[in-house]
């Protein structure tokens, strides 16, 4: 699945994640022991992530 990651500083990244599971990702985001997450081929500080959406939803806007 292609996803678009929006950061709180206005930047955005596209990533391809096989079998992206929003519930699993939410668990990682809410884990206080984790600060950095791997999303496809993007490694990012979880506190910078504002929103993650499927890329095809972004292209329809």
Foldseek 3Di string as FASTA:
>chain_A
DWKKWAFPVGDIDIADDPPDDPVVVVVQLPDPVDQWDDDHPDIGGSNGTDDMDHVVVVVVD
